[in-house]
C-alpha atoms as a PDB file:
ATOM      1  CA  MET A   1      44.643 -30.047 -10.640  1.00  0.00           C
ATOM      2  CA  ALA A   2      47.967 -28.694 -11.463  1.00  0.00           C
ATOM      3  CA  ASP A   3      48.018 -30.824 -15.052  1.00  0.00           C
ATOM      4  CA  ALA A   4      44.160 -28.693 -15.595  1.00  0.00           C
ATOM      5  CA  VAL A   5      45.723 -25.832 -14.424  1.00  0.00           C
ATOM      6  CA  GLU A   6      48.854 -26.239 -17.420  1.00  0.00           C
ATOM      7  CA  GLU A   7      46.451 -27.268 -19.920  1.00  0.00           C
ATOM      8  CA  ALA A   8      43.973 -24.033 -19.577  1.00  0.00           C
ATOM      9  CA  LEU A   9      46.923 -21.532 -19.183  1.00  0.00           C
ATOM     10  CA  PRO A  10      46.629 -20.862 -22.983  1.00  0.00           C
ATOM     11  CA  ALA A  11      43.042 -20.352 -23.126  1.00  0.00           C
ATOM     12  CA  LEU A  12      43.381 -17.734 -20.106  1.00  0.00           C
ATOM     13  CA  PRO A  13      43.996 -14.069 -20.870  1.00  0.00           C
ATOM     14  CA  ARG A  14      47.463 -12.692 -20.139  1.00  0.00           C
ATOM     15  CA  ALA A  15      46.056 -10.320 -16.989  1.00  0.00           C
ATOM     16  CA  VAL A  16      44.009 -13.069 -15.681  1.00  0.00           C
ATOM     17  CA  ALA A  17      46.856 -15.637 -15.760  1.00  0.00           C
ATOM     18  CA  LEU A  18      49.049 -13.273 -13.774  1.00  0.00           C
ATOM     19  CA  SER A  19      46.988 -12.541 -11.117  1.00  0.00           C
ATOM     20  CA  TRP A  20      46.661 -16.258 -10.211  1.00  0.00           C
ATOM     21  CA  GLY A  21      50.968 -15.969 -10.606  1.00  0.00           C
ATOM     22  CA  VAL A  22      50.175 -18.981 -12.818  1.00  0.00           C
ATOM     23  CA  ALA A  23      51.573 -17.134 -15.912  1.00  0.00           C
ATOM     24  CA  GLU A  24      55.551 -17.090 -17.247  1.00  0.00           C
ATOM     25  CA  ARG A  25      57.528 -14.527 -15.624  1.00  0.00           C
ATOM     26  CA  PRO A  26      60.542 -13.294 -17.320  1.00  0.00           C
ATOM     27  CA  GLN A  27      64.183 -13.857 -15.763  1.00  0.00           C
ATOM     28  CA  ARG A  28      64.735 -10.868 -13.817  1.00  0.00           C
ATOM     29  CA  GLY A  29      67.894  -9.043 -13.367  1.00  0.00           C
ATOM     30  CA  PRO A  30      69.869  -9.788  -9.588  1.00  0.00           C
ATOM     31  CA  LYS A  31      68.484  -5.993  -8.035  1.00  0.00           C
ATOM     32  CA  ARG A  32      64.456  -7.982  -9.029  1.00  0.00           C
ATOM     33  CA  GLU A  33      63.869  -3.930  -9.582  1.00  0.00           C
ATOM     34  CA  LEU A  34      60.948  -4.446 -11.736  1.00  0.00           C
ATOM     35  CA  SER A  35      57.884  -6.775 -11.102  1.00  0.00           C
ATOM     36  CA  VAL A  36      54.371  -6.342 -11.885  1.00  0.00           C
ATOM     37  CA  GLU A  37      53.259  -6.011  -8.343  1.00  0.00           C
ATOM     38  CA  ARG A  38      55.375  -2.671  -8.447  1.00  0.00           C
ATOM     39  CA  ILE A  39      54.076  -1.904 -11.893  1.00  0.00           C
ATOM     40  CA  ILE A  40      50.314  -2.241 -10.850  1.00  0.00           C
ATOM     41  CA  ASP A  41      51.194  -0.348  -7.079  1.00  0.00           C
ATOM     42  CA  THR A  42      52.752   2.663  -9.671  1.00  0.00           C
ATOM     43  CA  ALA A  43      49.816   2.966 -11.713  1.00  0.00           C
ATOM     44  CA  ILE A  44      47.383   2.913  -9.091  1.00  0.00           C
ATOM     45  CA  GLN A  45      48.769   5.674  -7.899  1.00  0.00           C
ATOM     46  CA  ILE A  46      48.992   7.718 -10.830  1.00  0.00           C
ATOM     47  CA  ALA A  47      45.067   7.079 -11.375  1.00  0.00           C
ATOM     48  CA  ASP A  48      44.337   7.775  -7.689  1.00  0.00           C
ATOM     49  CA  ASP A  49      46.111  11.425  -8.003  1.00  0.00           C
ATOM     50  CA  GLU A  50      45.340  12.668 -11.763  1.00  0.00           C
ATOM     51  CA  GLY A  51      42.618   9.842 -12.823  1.00  0.00           C
ATOM     52  CA  LEU A  52      42.456   6.964 -15.210  1.00  0.00           C
ATOM     53  CA  PRO A  53      43.417   8.577 -18.800  1.00  0.00           C
ATOM     54  CA  ALA A  54      46.629   9.559 -17.139  1.00  0.00           C
ATOM     55  CA  VAL A  55      47.888   5.897 -16.808  1.00  0.00           C
ATOM     56  CA  SER A  56      49.752   5.028 -19.333  1.00  0.00           C
ATOM     57  CA  MET A  57      53.072   2.617 -20.205  1.00  0.00           C
ATOM     58  CA  SER A  58      55.361   5.911 -20.683  1.00  0.00           C
ATOM     59  CA  LYS A  59      54.133   7.197 -17.735  1.00  0.00           C
ATOM     60  CA  ILE A  60      54.355   4.156 -15.156  1.00  0.00           C
ATOM     61  CA  ALA A  61      57.934   3.197 -16.874  1.00  0.00           C
ATOM     62  CA  THR A  62      59.171   7.031 -16.622  1.00  0.00           C
ATOM     63  CA  ALA A  63      57.412   6.463 -12.623  1.00  0.00           C
ATOM     64  CA  LEU A  64      59.388   3.567 -11.923  1.00  0.00           C
ATOM     65  CA  GLY A  65      62.456   4.553 -14.020  1.00  0.00           C
ATOM     66  CA  PHE A  66      62.701   2.363 -16.698  1.00  0.00           C
ATOM     67  CA  THR A  67      61.657   2.204 -20.480  1.00  0.00           C
ATOM     68  CA  THR A  68      58.481   1.632 -21.876  1.00  0.00           C
ATOM     69  CA  MET A  69      59.446  -1.485 -23.726  1.00  0.00           C
ATOM     70  CA  SER A  70      60.893  -2.948 -20.047  1.00  0.00           C
ATOM     71  CA  LEU A  71      57.417  -3.129 -18.844  1.00  0.00           C
ATOM     72  CA  TYR A  72      56.292  -5.289 -21.587  1.00  0.00           C
ATOM     73  CA  ARG A  73      58.150  -8.008 -20.492  1.00  0.00           C
ATOM     74  CA  TYR A  74      55.835  -8.144 -17.515  1.00  0.00           C
ATOM     75  CA  VAL A  75      52.628  -6.883 -19.324  1.00  0.00           C
ATOM     76  CA  THR A  76      51.474  -7.843 -22.739  1.00  0.00           C
ATOM     77  CA  SER A  77      49.392  -4.106 -22.605  1.00  0.00           C
ATOM     78  CA  LYS A  78      47.799  -1.901 -21.329  1.00  0.00           C
ATOM     79  CA  ASP A  79      44.467  -3.692 -20.996  1.00  0.00           C
ATOM     80  CA  ASP A  80      46.311  -5.858 -18.734  1.00  0.00           C
ATOM     81  CA  ILE A  81      47.529  -3.591 -16.104  1.00  0.00           C
ATOM     82  CA  LEU A  82      43.748  -1.747 -16.069  1.00  0.00           C
ATOM     83  CA  LEU A  83      42.605  -4.896 -15.256  1.00  0.00           C
ATOM     84  CA  LEU A  84      44.994  -6.201 -12.977  1.00  0.00           C
ATOM     85  CA  MET A  85      44.507  -2.671 -11.135  1.00  0.00           C
ATOM     86  CA  GLN A  86      40.906  -3.603 -11.302  1.00  0.00           C
ATOM     87  CA  ASP A  87      41.699  -6.896  -8.791  1.00  0.00           C
ATOM     88  CA  ALA A  88      44.597  -5.187  -6.556  1.00  0.00           C
ATOM     89  CA  VAL A  89      42.103  -2.621  -5.145  1.00  0.00           C
ATOM     90  CA  CYS A  90      39.451  -5.325  -4.272  1.00  0.00           C
ATOM     91  CA  GLY A  91      42.153  -6.734  -2.275  1.00  0.00           C
ATOM     92  CA  ILE A  92      40.129  -5.550   0.738  1.00  0.00           C
ATOM     93  CA  PRO A  93      39.637  -7.287   4.386  1.00  0.00           C
ATOM     94  CA  ILE A  94      37.336  -9.413   4.116  1.00  0.00           C
ATOM     95  CA  PRO A  95      35.303 -10.718   7.440  1.00  0.00           C
ATOM     96  CA  THR A  96      35.723 -13.879   8.648  1.00  0.00           C
ATOM     97  CA  GLU A  97      32.955 -16.151   9.081  1.00  0.00           C
ATOM     98  CA  ASP A  98      32.565 -15.898  12.776  1.00  0.00           C
ATOM     99  CA  GLU A  99      32.131 -12.158  12.231  1.00  0.00           C
ATOM    100  CA  ASP A 100      29.204 -12.855   9.660  1.00  0.00           C
ATOM    101  CA  GLU A 101      27.786 -15.379  12.600  1.00  0.00           C
ATOM    102  CA  ASP A 102      27.824 -12.228  14.939  1.00  0.00           C
ATOM    103  CA  GLY A 103      24.844 -10.851  12.933  1.00  0.00           C
ATOM    104  CA  GLU A 104      21.589 -11.519  10.419  1.00  0.00           C
ATOM    105  CA  TRP A 105      22.011 -11.747   6.780  1.00  0.00           C
ATOM    106  CA  ARG A 106      20.617  -7.935   5.794  1.00  0.00           C
ATOM    107  CA  ASP A 107      23.513  -7.349   8.192  1.00  0.00           C
ATOM    108  CA  GLY A 108      26.281  -8.853   6.214  1.00  0.00           C
ATOM    109  CA  LEU A 109      24.770  -8.011   2.952  1.00  0.00           C
ATOM    110  CA  ARG A 110      24.490  -3.988   3.991  1.00  0.00           C
ATOM    111  CA  ARG A 111      28.582  -4.336   4.835  1.00  0.00           C
ATOM    112  CA  TRP A 112      29.009  -6.896   1.540  1.00  0.00           C
ATOM    113  CA  ALA A 113      27.440  -4.067  -0.394  1.00  0.00           C
ATOM    114  CA  ALA A 114      29.576  -1.241   1.583  1.00  0.00           C
ATOM    115  CA  ALA A 115      32.571  -2.841   0.580  1.00  0.00           C
ATOM    116  CA  THR A 116      32.095  -1.716  -3.206  1.00  0.00           C
ATOM    117  CA  ILE A 117      31.180   2.307  -2.416  1.00  0.00           C
ATOM    118  CA  ASP A 118      34.493   1.806   0.205  1.00  0.00           C
ATOM    119  CA  VAL A 119      37.046   0.695  -2.867  1.00  0.00           C
ATOM    120  CA  MET A 120      35.066   3.703  -4.959  1.00  0.00           C
ATOM    121  CA  ARG A 121      35.657   6.221  -2.568  1.00  0.00           C
ATOM    122  CA  ALA A 122      39.304   5.474  -2.416  1.00  0.00           C
ATOM    123  CA  HIS A 123      39.921   4.587  -6.361  1.00  0.00           C
ATOM    124  CA  PRO A 124      37.386   6.958  -7.701  1.00  0.00           C
ATOM    125  CA  TRP A 125      38.712   5.586 -11.266  1.00  0.00           C
ATOM    126  CA  PHE A 126      37.559   2.210 -10.165  1.00  0.00           C
ATOM    127  CA  PRO A 127      34.115   2.247 -12.488  1.00  0.00           C
ATOM    128  CA  ASP A 128      35.800   3.844 -15.425  1.00  0.00           C
ATOM    129  CA  ILE A 129      37.239   0.674 -16.001  1.00  0.00           C
ATOM    130  CA  PRO A 130      34.740  -1.214 -18.188  1.00  0.00           C
ATOM    131  CA  ILE A 131      32.932  -4.565 -16.869  1.00  0.00           C
ATOM    132  CA  SER A 132      34.144  -7.178 -19.537  1.00  0.00           C
ATOM    133  CA  GLY A 133      32.381 -10.321 -18.193  1.00  0.00           C
ATOM    134  CA  VAL A 134      32.154 -12.341 -15.162  1.00  0.00           C
ATOM    135  CA  PRO A 135      34.565 -11.767 -12.381  1.00  0.00           C
ATOM    136  CA  LEU A 136      37.884 -14.307 -13.218  1.00  0.00           C
ATOM    137  CA  MET A 137      40.727 -12.762 -10.632  1.00  0.00           C
ATOM    138  CA  PRO A 138      41.280 -13.994  -7.335  1.00  0.00           C
ATOM    139  CA  ASN A 139      40.553 -10.578  -5.423  1.00  0.00           C
ATOM    140  CA  ASN A 140      37.329  -9.794  -7.292  1.00  0.00           C
ATOM    141  CA  LEU A 141      36.045 -14.020  -6.423  1.00  0.00           C
ATOM    142  CA  ALA A 142      37.263 -13.323  -3.105  1.00  0.00           C
ATOM    143  CA  VAL A 143      34.722 -10.730  -2.721  1.00  0.00           C
ATOM    144  CA  LEU A 144      31.839 -12.343  -4.435  1.00  0.00           C
ATOM    145  CA  ASP A 145      33.007 -15.415  -2.178  1.00  0.00           C
ATOM    146  CA  TRP A 146      32.110 -13.469   1.068  1.00  0.00           C
ATOM    147  CA  GLY A 147      29.027 -12.462  -0.450  1.00  0.00           C
ATOM    148  CA  LEU A 148      27.871 -16.086  -0.971  1.00  0.00           C
ATOM    149  CA  ARG A 149      28.839 -17.174   2.673  1.00  0.00           C
ATOM    150  CA  ILE A 150      26.532 -14.696   3.974  1.00  0.00           C
ATOM    151  CA  MET A 151      23.733 -15.981   1.929  1.00  0.00           C
ATOM    152  CA  LYS A 152      24.565 -19.334   2.405  1.00  0.00           C
ATOM    153  CA  ASP A 153      21.424 -20.166   4.760  1.00  0.00           C
ATOM    154  CA  LEU A 154      18.850 -18.670   2.823  1.00  0.00           C
ATOM    155  CA  PRO A 155      16.543 -20.460   0.789  1.00  0.00           C
ATOM    156  CA  LEU A 156      17.940 -19.311  -2.841  1.00  0.00           C
ATOM    157  CA  SER A 157      18.624 -21.393  -5.502  1.00  0.00           C
ATOM    158  CA  ASP A 158      22.463 -20.942  -6.795  1.00  0.00           C
ATOM    159  CA  PRO A 159      21.712 -18.436  -9.769  1.00  0.00           C
ATOM    160  CA  GLU A 160      19.323 -16.776  -7.177  1.00  0.00           C
ATOM    161  CA  LYS A 161      22.253 -15.833  -4.785  1.00  0.00           C
ATOM    162  CA  LEU A 162      24.209 -14.605  -7.595  1.00  0.00           C
ATOM    163  CA  SER A 163      21.276 -12.454  -9.568  1.00  0.00           C
ATOM    164  CA  THR A 164      21.056 -11.408  -5.360  1.00  0.00           C
ATOM    165  CA  ALA A 165      25.217 -10.650  -5.594  1.00  0.00           C
ATOM    166  CA  LEU A 166      24.573  -8.720  -9.319  1.00  0.00           C
ATOM    167  CA  THR A 167      21.657  -5.974  -8.214  1.00  0.00           C
ATOM    168  CA  LEU A 168      22.897  -5.277  -4.858  1.00  0.00           C
ATOM    169  CA  SER A 169      26.617  -4.736  -6.507  1.00  0.00           C
ATOM    170  CA  SER A 170      25.170  -2.909  -9.674  1.00  0.00           C
ATOM    171  CA  TYR A 171      23.212  -1.023  -6.927  1.00  0.00           C
ATOM    172  CA  ALA A 172      26.019   0.273  -5.151  1.00  0.00           C
ATOM    173  CA  ARG A 173      28.084   0.811  -8.011  1.00  0.00           C
ATOM    174  CA  ALA A 174      25.899   2.638 -10.219  1.00  0.00           C
ATOM    175  CA  PHE A 175      25.284   4.942  -6.983  1.00  0.00           C
ATOM    176  CA  GLY A 176      28.722   5.763  -6.267  1.00  0.00           C
ATOM    177  CA  VAL A 177      29.560   6.423  -9.979  1.00  0.00           C
ATOM    178  CA  VAL A 178      26.795   9.477  -9.014  1.00  0.00           C
ATOM    179  CA  GLU A 179      28.086  10.072  -5.729  1.00  0.00           C
ATOM    180  CA  ARG A 180      31.713  10.429  -7.018  1.00  0.00           C
ATOM    181  CA  ASP A 181      30.564  12.834  -9.864  1.00  0.00           C
ATOM    182  CA  VAL A 182      28.826  14.964  -7.953  1.00  0.00           C
ATOM    183  CA  GLN A 183      31.617  15.439  -5.445  1.00  0.00           C
ATOM    184  CA  ARG A 184      33.828  15.970  -8.755  1.00  0.00           C
ATOM    185  CA  SER A 185      31.242  18.610  -9.520  1.00  0.00           C
ATOM    186  CA  ARG A 186      31.538  20.535  -6.295  1.00  0.00           C
ATOM    187  CA  ASP A 187      35.281  20.139  -6.347  1.00  0.00           C
ATOM    188  CA  GLN A 188      35.300  22.449  -9.920  1.00  0.00           C
ATOM    189  CA  SER A 189      34.772  25.918  -8.089  1.00  0.00           C
ATOM    190  CA  GLU A 190      34.367  27.419 -11.732  1.00  0.00           C
ATOM    191  CA  ARG A 191      31.073  25.642 -12.249  1.00  0.00           C
ATOM    192  CA  PRO A 192      27.888  27.772 -10.848  1.00  0.00           C
ATOM    193  CA  THR A 193      26.146  25.807  -7.670  1.00  0.00           C
ATOM    194  CA  GLN A 194      23.072  23.920  -8.045  1.00  0.00           C
ATOM    195  CA  SER A 195      21.803  24.409  -4.410  1.00  0.00           C
ATOM    196  CA  GLY A 196      20.823  27.110  -2.755  1.00  0.00           C
ATOM    197  CA  GLU A 197      17.555  29.566  -2.607  1.00  0.00           C
ATOM    198  CA  ALA A 198      18.495  31.689  -5.707  1.00  0.00           C
ATOM    199  CA  PHE A 199      18.958  28.226  -8.094  1.00  0.00           C
ATOM    200  CA  THR A 200      15.867  26.935  -6.780  1.00  0.00           C
ATOM    201  CA  GLU A 201      13.749  29.622  -7.401  1.00  0.00           C
ATOM    202  CA  ALA A 202      15.290  29.864 -10.806  1.00  0.00           C
ATOM    203  CA  LEU A 203      14.420  26.208 -10.782  1.00  0.00           C
ATOM    204  CA  ALA A 204      11.255  26.932 -10.084  1.00  0.00           C
ATOM    205  CA  GLU A 205      10.407  29.229 -12.702  1.00  0.00           C
ATOM    206  CA  LEU A 206      10.929  26.576 -15.481  1.00  0.00           C
ATOM    207  CA  VAL A 207       9.345  23.972 -13.426  1.00  0.00           C
ATOM    208  CA  THR A 208       5.926  24.347 -14.010  1.00  0.00           C
ATOM    209  CA  GLU A 209       2.906  22.662 -12.502  1.00  0.00           C
ATOM    210  CA  GLU A 210       1.646  22.427 -15.834  1.00  0.00           C
ATOM    211  CA  ARG A 211       4.438  21.028 -17.265  1.00  0.00           C
ATOM    212  CA  PHE A 212       5.692  18.853 -14.817  1.00  0.00           C
ATOM    213  CA  PRO A 213       2.708  18.643 -12.314  1.00  0.00           C
ATOM    214  CA  TYR A 214       4.372  15.902  -9.616  1.00  0.00           C
ATOM    215  CA  LEU A 215       7.603  17.724  -9.812  1.00  0.00           C
ATOM    216  CA  ALA A 216       6.777  20.892  -9.121  1.00  0.00           C
ATOM    217  CA  PRO A 217       5.734  20.695  -5.488  1.00  0.00           C
ATOM    218  CA  LEU A 218       9.570  18.792  -4.711  1.00  0.00           C
ATOM    219  CA  VAL A 219      11.251  21.867  -6.761  1.00  0.00           C
ATOM    220  CA  ARG A 220       9.217  24.521  -5.120  1.00  0.00           C
ATOM    221  CA  SER A 221       9.795  22.555  -1.374  1.00  0.00           C
ATOM    222  CA  GLY A 222      13.814  22.728  -2.075  1.00  0.00           C
ATOM    223  CA  ALA A 223      13.551  19.392  -2.179  1.00  0.00           C
ATOM    224  CA  TYR A 224      14.674  17.958  -5.611  1.00  0.00           C
ATOM    225  CA  ALA A 225      17.561  20.437  -5.530  1.00  0.00           C
ATOM    226  CA  ASP A 226      18.823  19.449  -1.866  1.00  0.00           C
ATOM    227  CA  SER A 227      22.483  18.647  -3.079  1.00  0.00           C
ATOM    228  CA  GLU A 228      23.704  19.074   0.177  1.00  0.00           C
ATOM    229  CA  GLY A 229      21.911  16.300   2.068  1.00  0.00           C
ATOM    230  CA  ASP A 230      19.524  18.602   4.142  1.00  0.00           C
ATOM    231  CA  ASP A 231      16.971  16.844   4.375  1.00  0.00           C
ATOM    232  CA  ASP A 232      18.544  14.032   6.746  1.00  0.00           C
ATOM    233  CA  GLN A 233      17.963  11.093   4.213  1.00  0.00           C
ATOM    234  CA  ASP A 234      21.041   8.513   3.455  1.00  0.00           C
ATOM    235  CA  ASP A 235      20.028   8.258  -0.085  1.00  0.00           C
ATOM    236  CA  TYR A 236      21.883   5.081  -0.782  1.00  0.00           C
ATOM    237  CA  ALA A 237      20.588   3.492   2.288  1.00  0.00           C
ATOM    238  CA  TRP A 238      17.168   4.539   1.824  1.00  0.00           C
ATOM    239  CA  GLY A 239      17.432   2.299  -1.786  1.00  0.00           C
ATOM    240  CA  LEU A 240      19.822  -0.314  -0.116  1.00  0.00           C
ATOM    241  CA  GLU A 241      16.732  -1.217   2.507  1.00  0.00           C
ATOM    242  CA  ARG A 242      14.013  -1.388  -0.159  1.00  0.00           C
ATOM    243  CA  ILE A 243      16.445  -3.784  -2.003  1.00  0.00           C
ATOM    244  CA  LEU A 244      16.635  -5.849   1.481  1.00  0.00           C
ATOM    245  CA  ASP A 245      13.121  -5.600   1.991  1.00  0.00           C
ATOM    246  CA  GLY A 246      12.313  -7.041  -1.325  1.00  0.00           C
ATOM    247  CA  LEU A 247      14.669  -9.850  -0.700  1.00  0.00           C
ATOM    248  CA  GLN A 248      13.420 -10.206   2.579  1.00  0.00           C
ATOM    249  CA  ARG A 249       9.875 -10.638   0.761  1.00  0.00           C
ATOM    250  CA  TYR A 250      11.256 -13.079  -1.199  1.00  0.00           C
ATOM    251  CA  VAL A 251      13.596 -15.345   1.166  1.00  0.00           C
ATOM    252  CA  ASP A 252      10.066 -15.651   3.800  1.00  0.00           C
ATOM    253  CA  ALA A 253       7.784 -16.465   0.388  1.00  0.00           C
ATOM    254  CA  ARG A 254      10.330 -19.492   0.081  1.00  0.00           C
ATOM    255  CA  SER A 255      10.922 -20.426   3.757  1.00  0.00           C
ATOM    256  CA  SER A 256       6.976 -20.884   3.723  1.00  0.00           C
ATOM    257  CA  GLY A 257       6.115 -22.664   0.513  1.00  0.00           C
ATOM    258  CA  GLU A 258       4.037 -19.492  -0.670  1.00  0.00           C
ATOM    259  CA  PRO A 259       4.076 -19.488  -4.263  1.00  0.00           C
ATOM    260  CA  VAL A 260       6.007 -16.353  -5.514  1.00  0.00           C
ATOM    261  CA  VAL A 261       7.067 -14.446  -8.979  1.00  0.00           C
ATOM    262  CA  ALA A 262      10.827 -15.340  -9.158  1.00  0.00           C
ATOM    263  CA  ALA A 263      10.485 -12.950 -12.216  1.00  0.00           C
ATOM    264  CA  MET A 264       8.658 -10.890 -14.886  1.00  0.00           C
ATOM    265  CA  PRO A 265       9.858 -10.728 -18.860  1.00  0.00           C
ATOM    266  CA  ARG A 266      11.202  -7.624 -19.607  1.00  0.00           C
ATOM    267  CA  PRO A 267       9.172  -4.919 -21.133  1.00  0.00           C
ATOM    268  CA  GLU A 268       8.806  -4.981 -24.938  1.00  0.00           C
ATOM    269  CA  PRO A 269      11.319  -2.129 -26.139  1.00  0.00           C
ATOM    270  CA  VAL A 270       9.750   0.596 -27.777  1.00  0.00           C
ATOM    271  CA  PRO A 271      11.411  -0.041 -31.510  1.00  0.00           C
ATOM    272  CA  HIS A 272      13.351   2.804 -32.841  1.00  0.00           C
ATOM    273  CA  ASP A 273      11.859   3.703 -35.808  1.00  0.00           C
ATOM    274  CA  LYS A 274      10.982   6.878 -37.394  1.00  0.00           C
ATOM    275  CA  GLY A 275       7.026   7.048 -37.432  1.00  0.00           C
ATOM    276  CA  VAL A 276       7.447   6.321 -33.402  1.00  0.00           C
ATOM    277  CA  ARG A 277       9.582   9.244 -32.813  1.00  0.00           C
ATOM    278  CA  GLU A 278       7.389  11.373 -35.295  1.00  0.00           C
ATOM    279  CA  ALA A 279       4.330   9.730 -33.271  1.00  0.00           C
ATOM    280  CA  ALA A 280       5.353  10.824 -29.554  1.00  0.00           C
ATOM    281  CA  LYS A 281       6.480  14.433 -30.579  1.00  0.00           C
ATOM    282  CA  ALA A 282       2.822  14.302 -31.970  1.00  0.00           C
ATOM    283  CA  ARG A 283       2.055  13.379 -28.379  1.00  0.00           C
ATOM    284  CA  ARG A 284       3.976  15.376 -26.722  1.00  0.00           C
ATOM    285  CA  GLU A 285       3.057  18.637 -28.975  1.00  0.00           C
ATOM    286  CA  ALA A 286      -0.347  17.503 -28.237  1.00  0.00           C
ATOM    287  CA  GLU A 287      -0.103  16.934 -24.694  1.00  0.00           C
ATOM    288  CA  SER A 288       1.338  20.999 -24.300  1.00  0.00           C
ATOM    289  CA  ARG A 289      -0.954  22.609 -26.295  1.00  0.00           C
ATOM    290  CA  LEU A 290      -3.669  20.723 -23.599  1.00  0.00           C
ATOM    291  CA  ARG A 291      -1.647  22.147 -20.639  1.00  0.00           C
ATOM    292  CA  GLU A 292      -1.472  25.493 -22.208  1.00  0.00           C
ATOM    293  CA  ALA A 293      -5.571  25.024 -22.600  1.00  0.00           C
ATOM    294  CA  ARG A 294      -6.154  23.798 -19.374  1.00  0.00           C
ATOM    295  CA  LYS A 295      -3.945  26.470 -18.044  1.00  0.00           C
ATOM    296  CA  ARG A 296      -5.960  28.764 -19.881  1.00  0.00           C
ATOM    297  CA  GLU A 297      -8.937  27.839 -18.794  1.00  0.00           C
ATOM    298  CA  ARG A 298      -8.282  27.680 -15.019  1.00  0.00           C
ATOM    299  CA  GLU A 299      -7.391  31.481 -15.710  1.00  0.00           C
ATOM    300  CA  ALA A 300     -10.865  32.050 -17.330  1.00  0.00           C
ATOM    301  CA  ILE A 301     -12.621  30.360 -14.689  1.00  0.00           C
ATOM    302  CA  ALA A 302     -10.331  32.439 -11.646  1.00  0.00           C
ATOM    303  CA  LYS A 303     -11.638  35.714 -13.614  1.00  0.00           C
ATOM    304  CA  ALA A 304     -15.223  34.621 -14.097  1.00  0.00           C
ATOM    305  CA  ARG A 305     -15.369  34.092 -10.324  1.00  0.00           C
ATOM    306  CA  GLU A 306     -13.461  37.658  -9.626  1.00  0.00           C
ATOM    307  CA  ARG A 307     -16.211  39.168 -11.755  1.00  0.00           C
ATOM    308  CA  GLN A 308     -18.677  37.202 -10.678  1.00  0.00           C
ATOM    309  CA  ALA A 309     -17.310  38.725  -7.003  1.00  0.00           C
ATOM    310  CA  LYS A 310     -17.272  42.421  -7.401  1.00  0.00           C
ATOM    311  CA  ALA A 311     -20.967  41.325  -9.332  1.00  0.00           C
ATOM    312  CA  GLU A 312     -22.426  40.281  -5.840  1.00  0.00           C
ATOM    313  CA  GLU A 313     -20.435  43.190  -4.036  1.00  0.00           C
ATOM    314  CA  LYS A 314     -21.605  45.917  -6.206  1.00  0.00           C
ATOM    315  CA  ALA A 315     -25.875  44.240  -5.716  1.00  0.00           C
ATOM    316  CA  GLY A 316     -25.285  43.871  -2.526  1.00  0.00           C
ATOM    317  CA  LYS A 317     -23.956  47.849  -1.961  1.00  0.00           C
ATOM    318  CA  ALA A 318     -27.212  48.625  -4.363  1.00  0.00           C
ATOM    319  CA  ALA A 319     -30.011  46.969  -1.726  1.00  0.00           C
ATOM    320  CA  ARG A 320     -28.349  48.717   0.906  1.00  0.00           C
END
């Protein structure tokens, strides 16, 4: 095993090797004042306080009381630091296998997906670091291993288990980004609020039934602009349960031997072509004219009915 690791070391990115503790580290002074761990802890604190763009080699060095060049004895670039930061905050408490056994797999996957949300709430910059490939670092792999442990007894193939983990983590990550960005918007007091009766009324004037026949009723009811969540629906939990419902249906079918469709091919993408764009624009314009024509038709019918009612009323008076 040791020989295999030695042979693989040159192929490992520096950050990955550092995360596993198999990278060659510089000789440090007797006080051991600087280390990869201190560098990463400082970078995380800067990102937590000021956001990811504030993280730089010079700022980390200043915070630590060292020169920028001294950091390069431990890490080769800022990219190394970002990857190590990402893995460090994934070092979360993972339930024991005995704790998993206390509930069913849906409970376990709920906890597993929630861990992504928890990390992003503690470190809002986390999703700003691009995903560069499959997890390679120990903390990330430990979290993945936890998810696979929850699914160990499900009648799923290995690729299906990995796809399930990807689906749940992607959903939690996407929702976490939305939640974070909405919270940031609320915290920026100079921006006008996008909720309240006045906002709903203004939006209702723009979102008409002629143009948005299915959205307009939601806008009028206030549900669309309910950024405070007054409808008592937890959107994250609702969506997660629908994903788990689908997985439950698939698992049950596999267990009973019922034929199932594992996956359908992706829809063929619409070509990015000038002719397609022009045709789509013409369609939208035609739809707009049709909506206007239908509106005029409804108005004409209403006026005709009004005239008819008046004529009938007049005839009734004359008959008396």
